[in-house]
Amino acid sequence: QVQLVESGGGLVQPGGSLRLSCVASGFGFSHYAMSWYRQAPGKERELVAAVNTVGDRMNYADSVKGRFTISRDNAKNTVFLQMNSLKLEDTAVYYCRGFGVWGQGTQVTVSS
């Protein structure tokens, strides 16, 4: 069964940091690019960051460049999203995507 399970979301103050994790199972993780999306209330889901199969090529949305870092550990079938200098507008449900499958999402709330 193909599955993506996210974790690491929570409540953080502006300027704080969070690290999201997504553990994959049921497919050849190391053979697929992986990505993180987010969806804020009342808005469409948007691509935040993507990483290639070996983890040496990354792409970011302009809104998170310089603050977020995507990485992966193929030995652990896990993709990460390190989020620093968080802003109020980063509040959203964050989803992992790979192999055409979505994770269930993890809530990130940035609030003072």
Protein backbone atom coordinates (compact mmCIF):
# COMPACT_ATOMS: atom_id res chain seq x y z
CA GLN A 1 0.00 0.00 0.00
CA VAL A 2 1.43 3.36 -1.06
CA GLN A 3 1.45 5.78 1.84
CA LEU A 4 2.91 9.17 2.78
CA VAL A 5 2.76 10.19 6.43
CA GLU A 6 3.63 13.74 7.45
CA SER A 7 4.57 14.94 10.91
CA GLY A 8 6.15 17.92 12.62
CA GLY A 9 3.48 20.56 12.26
CA GLY A 10 2.34 22.73 15.14
CA LEU A 11 1.92 26.20 16.53
CA VAL A 12 4.89 28.55 16.33
CA GLN A 13 5.46 32.27 16.81
CA PRO A 14 6.51 34.51 13.92
CA GLY A 15 10.23 34.16 13.34
CA GLY A 16 10.26 30.62 14.67
CA SER A 17 11.18 27.34 13.02
CA LEU A 18 9.62 23.96 12.35
CA ARG A 19 10.84 20.83 10.62
CA LEU A 20 8.33 18.72 8.75
CA SER A 21 8.94 15.08 7.92
CA CYS A 22 7.23 12.79 5.44
CA VAL A 23 7.83 9.05 5.58
CA ALA A 24 7.02 7.12 2.42
CA SER A 25 6.17 3.46 2.02
CA GLY A 26 4.89 1.13 -0.66
CA PHE A 27 6.92 2.44 -3.62
CA GLY A 28 10.53 2.93 -4.68
CA PHE A 29 11.06 6.20 -2.87
CA SER A 30 14.59 6.82 -4.15
CA HIS A 31 13.38 6.73 -7.76
CA TYR A 32 10.89 9.58 -7.44
CA ALA A 33 11.07 13.32 -7.03
CA MET A 34 9.26 14.53 -3.94
CA SER A 35 7.54 17.77 -3.12
CA TRP A 36 5.81 19.76 -0.42
CA TYR A 37 2.61 21.71 -1.03
CA ARG A 38 0.50 23.84 1.24
CA GLN A 39 -3.08 25.03 1.36
CA ALA A 40 -4.20 27.99 3.40
CA PRO A 41 -7.87 28.54 4.28
CA GLY A 42 -9.79 29.81 1.28
CA LYS A 43 -6.83 29.43 -1.06
CA GLU A 44 -5.73 26.90 -3.64
CA ARG A 45 -3.08 24.33 -2.87
CA GLU A 46 0.33 25.61 -3.96
CA LEU A 47 3.75 24.08 -4.53
CA VAL A 48 6.23 25.06 -1.83
CA ALA A 49 9.34 23.05 -2.67
CA ALA A 50 10.50 20.05 -4.69
CA VAL A 51 13.60 17.87 -4.69
CA ASN A 52 14.94 15.46 -7.29
CA THR A 53 15.67 11.80 -6.70
CA VAL A 54 19.19 12.19 -5.35
CA GLY A 55 18.56 15.37 -3.40
CA ASP A 56 20.97 17.67 -5.19
CA ARG A 57 18.47 19.77 -7.11
CA MET A 58 15.75 21.73 -5.38
CA ASN A 59 13.09 24.22 -6.43
CA TYR A 60 11.23 26.67 -4.22
CA ALA A 61 8.27 29.00 -4.41
CA ASP A 62 9.42 32.62 -4.42
CA SER A 63 7.55 33.19 -1.16
CA VAL A 64 9.76 30.73 0.76
CA LYS A 65 13.15 31.08 -0.93
CA GLY A 66 15.90 31.67 1.59
CA ARG A 67 13.69 30.54 4.50
CA PHE A 68 12.70 26.94 3.69
CA THR A 69 14.93 24.00 2.81
CA ILE A 70 13.77 20.71 1.33
CA SER A 71 15.93 17.63 1.73
CA ARG A 72 15.62 13.86 1.63
CA ASP A 73 17.12 10.75 3.15
CA ASN A 74 16.67 7.89 0.72
CA ALA A 75 17.95 5.36 3.26
CA LYS A 76 15.02 6.28 5.51
CA ASN A 77 12.42 6.92 2.77
CA THR A 78 11.91 10.37 4.24
CA VAL A 79 11.65 13.88 2.85
CA PHE A 80 12.01 16.93 5.09
CA LEU A 81 11.01 20.57 5.00
CA GLN A 82 13.00 22.82 7.29
CA MET A 83 11.08 26.06 7.78
CA ASN A 84 12.85 29.04 9.32
CA SER A 85 11.84 32.67 9.85
CA LEU A 86 8.20 31.66 9.72
CA LYS A 87 5.63 34.32 8.90
CA LEU A 88 1.92 34.61 9.61
CA GLU A 89 1.23 33.93 5.95
CA ASP A 90 2.96 30.54 6.17
CA THR A 91 -0.04 29.25 8.12
CA ALA A 92 -1.50 26.36 6.14
CA VAL A 93 -1.91 22.62 5.95
CA TYR A 94 1.30 21.22 4.49
CA TYR A 95 1.14 18.16 2.25
CA CYS A 96 3.81 15.80 1.03
CA ARG A 97 3.49 14.48 -2.54
CA GLY A 98 5.26 11.73 -4.45
CA PHE A 99 4.47 8.85 -6.82
CA GLY A 100 1.23 10.68 -7.60
CA VAL A 101 0.09 10.29 -4.01
CA TRP A 102 -0.77 12.86 -1.34
CA GLY A 103 -0.12 12.59 2.34
CA GLN A 104 -2.85 13.43 4.85
CA GLY A 105 -1.34 16.81 5.67
CA THR A 106 0.03 18.45 8.79
CA GLN A 107 -1.17 21.78 10.16
CA VAL A 108 1.31 24.62 10.57
CA THR A 109 0.02 27.66 12.42
CA VAL A 110 2.13 30.79 12.80
CA SER A 111 0.65 33.11 15.38
CA SER A 112 1.73 35.45 18.13
